[in-house]
Amino acid sequence: MNWSELIFDMGYAGFAGFVVGFAIKRVLNFFLLLLGLYILSLMWLASKGIITVEWEQLFALFKGMFEGFTAFVHGLIRKLAFAGSFAVGFAIGLKT
C-alpha cells in the first residue's frame, strides 16, 4: 500500500463521515421540529380544556430519553476514536 492510496482512503472516509453527520443532523432537526409541534399541540389542547397534561411526568420522560441517548453517543465516540487510532497505528506499523 502506498501513501497516495492511504490519503485517498482517508479523504473518502472523511467525506463519508461528513455525509453521515450531515444526514444525522437533518434527521435530528426534523425530529426536534416534530417534538416541538407535539408539545405545542398539547399546550393548545390543555389551554382549551380538552385534555389535562401532567407536565412533570412528560418532561421526566423526555429527560430520561435524552440522558440515554447522550450516554449512547459518548460510548460510540469513544469506540470510534479507539478503532480509528488503532487502524492508523496498525497501518503505520505494517508499513515500517
Protein backbone atom coordinates (compact mmCIF):
# COMPACT_ATOMS: atom_id res chain seq x y z
CA MET A 1 0.00 0.00 0.00
CA ASN A 2 1.43 3.36 -0.96
CA TRP A 3 0.80 6.74 0.61
CA SER A 4 -1.44 8.01 -2.17
CA GLU A 5 -3.88 5.13 -1.59
CA LEU A 6 -3.86 5.84 2.15
CA ILE A 7 -4.55 9.53 1.58
CA PHE A 8 -7.32 8.68 -0.89
CA ASP A 9 -8.91 6.30 1.64
CA MET A 10 -8.68 8.92 4.39
CA GLY A 11 -10.28 11.51 2.09
CA TYR A 12 -13.06 9.10 1.17
CA ALA A 13 -13.65 8.24 4.84
CA GLY A 14 -13.70 11.93 5.72
CA PHE A 15 -16.25 12.65 3.00
CA ALA A 16 -18.38 9.69 4.07
CA GLY A 17 -18.22 10.88 7.68
CA PHE A 18 -19.30 14.35 6.61
CA VAL A 19 -22.27 12.99 4.65
CA VAL A 20 -23.40 10.76 7.53
CA GLY A 21 -23.01 13.59 10.04
CA PHE A 22 -24.95 15.97 7.80
CA ALA A 23 -27.76 13.43 7.37
CA ILE A 24 -27.96 12.76 11.10
CA LYS A 25 -28.12 16.49 11.78
CA ARG A 26 -31.02 16.91 9.35
CA VAL A 27 -32.92 13.92 10.79
CA LEU A 28 -32.37 15.20 14.33
CA ASN A 29 -33.62 18.68 13.36
CA PHE A 30 -36.75 17.14 11.82
CA PHE A 31 -37.33 15.04 14.95
CA LEU A 32 -36.98 18.09 17.19
CA LEU A 33 -39.39 20.03 14.96
CA LEU A 34 -41.98 17.25 15.34
CA LEU A 35 -41.37 17.13 19.09
CA GLY A 36 -41.90 20.89 19.35
CA LEU A 37 -45.13 20.70 17.35
CA TYR A 38 -46.32 17.86 19.58
CA ILE A 39 -45.68 19.86 22.75
CA LEU A 40 -47.33 22.94 21.25
CA SER A 41 -50.40 20.88 20.34
CA LEU A 42 -50.56 19.52 23.90
CA MET A 43 -50.32 23.05 25.28
CA TRP A 44 -53.11 24.24 22.96
CA LEU A 45 -55.39 21.33 23.85
CA ALA A 46 -54.71 21.90 27.56
CA SER A 47 -55.48 25.62 27.25
CA LYS A 48 -58.85 24.78 25.62
CA GLY A 49 -59.67 22.38 28.47
CA ILE A 50 -59.87 19.36 26.19
CA ILE A 51 -57.09 17.43 27.96
CA THR A 52 -55.16 17.62 31.20
CA VAL A 53 -51.40 17.23 30.88
CA GLU A 54 -49.11 16.22 33.74
CA TRP A 55 -46.11 18.23 32.59
CA GLU A 56 -43.73 16.88 35.24
CA GLN A 57 -44.32 13.32 34.03
CA LEU A 58 -43.90 14.32 30.38
CA PHE A 59 -40.64 16.19 30.94
CA ALA A 60 -39.29 13.38 33.14
CA LEU A 61 -39.90 11.00 30.22
CA PHE A 62 -38.05 13.26 27.77
CA LYS A 63 -35.21 13.80 30.23
CA GLY A 64 -34.71 10.05 30.55
CA MET A 65 -34.72 9.62 26.77
CA PHE A 66 -32.09 12.30 26.21
CA GLU A 67 -29.85 11.03 29.02
CA GLY A 68 -29.88 7.56 27.48
CA PHE A 69 -29.13 8.98 24.03
CA THR A 70 -26.26 11.08 25.41
CA ALA A 71 -24.69 8.04 27.08
CA PHE A 72 -25.00 6.09 23.82
CA VAL A 73 -23.30 8.85 21.80
CA HIS A 74 -20.44 9.19 24.28
CA GLY A 75 -19.81 5.44 24.22
CA LEU A 76 -19.95 5.37 20.42
CA ILE A 77 -17.46 8.25 20.11
CA ARG A 78 -15.01 6.51 22.47
CA LYS A 79 -15.20 3.28 20.47
CA LEU A 80 -14.81 5.02 17.11
CA ALA A 81 -11.85 7.08 18.33
CA PHE A 82 -10.13 3.95 19.63
CA ALA A 83 -10.82 1.99 16.42
CA GLY A 84 -9.57 4.82 14.20
CA SER A 85 -6.40 5.31 16.22
CA PHE A 86 -5.78 1.58 16.26
CA ALA A 87 -6.25 1.30 12.49
CA VAL A 88 -3.84 4.16 11.76
CA GLY A 89 -1.24 2.78 14.17
CA PHE A 90 -1.64 -0.69 12.70
CA ALA A 91 -1.18 0.60 9.14
CA ILE A 92 1.93 2.59 10.11
CA GLY A 93 3.29 -0.44 11.96
CA LEU A 94 2.83 -2.62 8.89
CA LYS A 95 4.42 -0.01 6.64
CA THR A 96 7.62 0.34 8.70
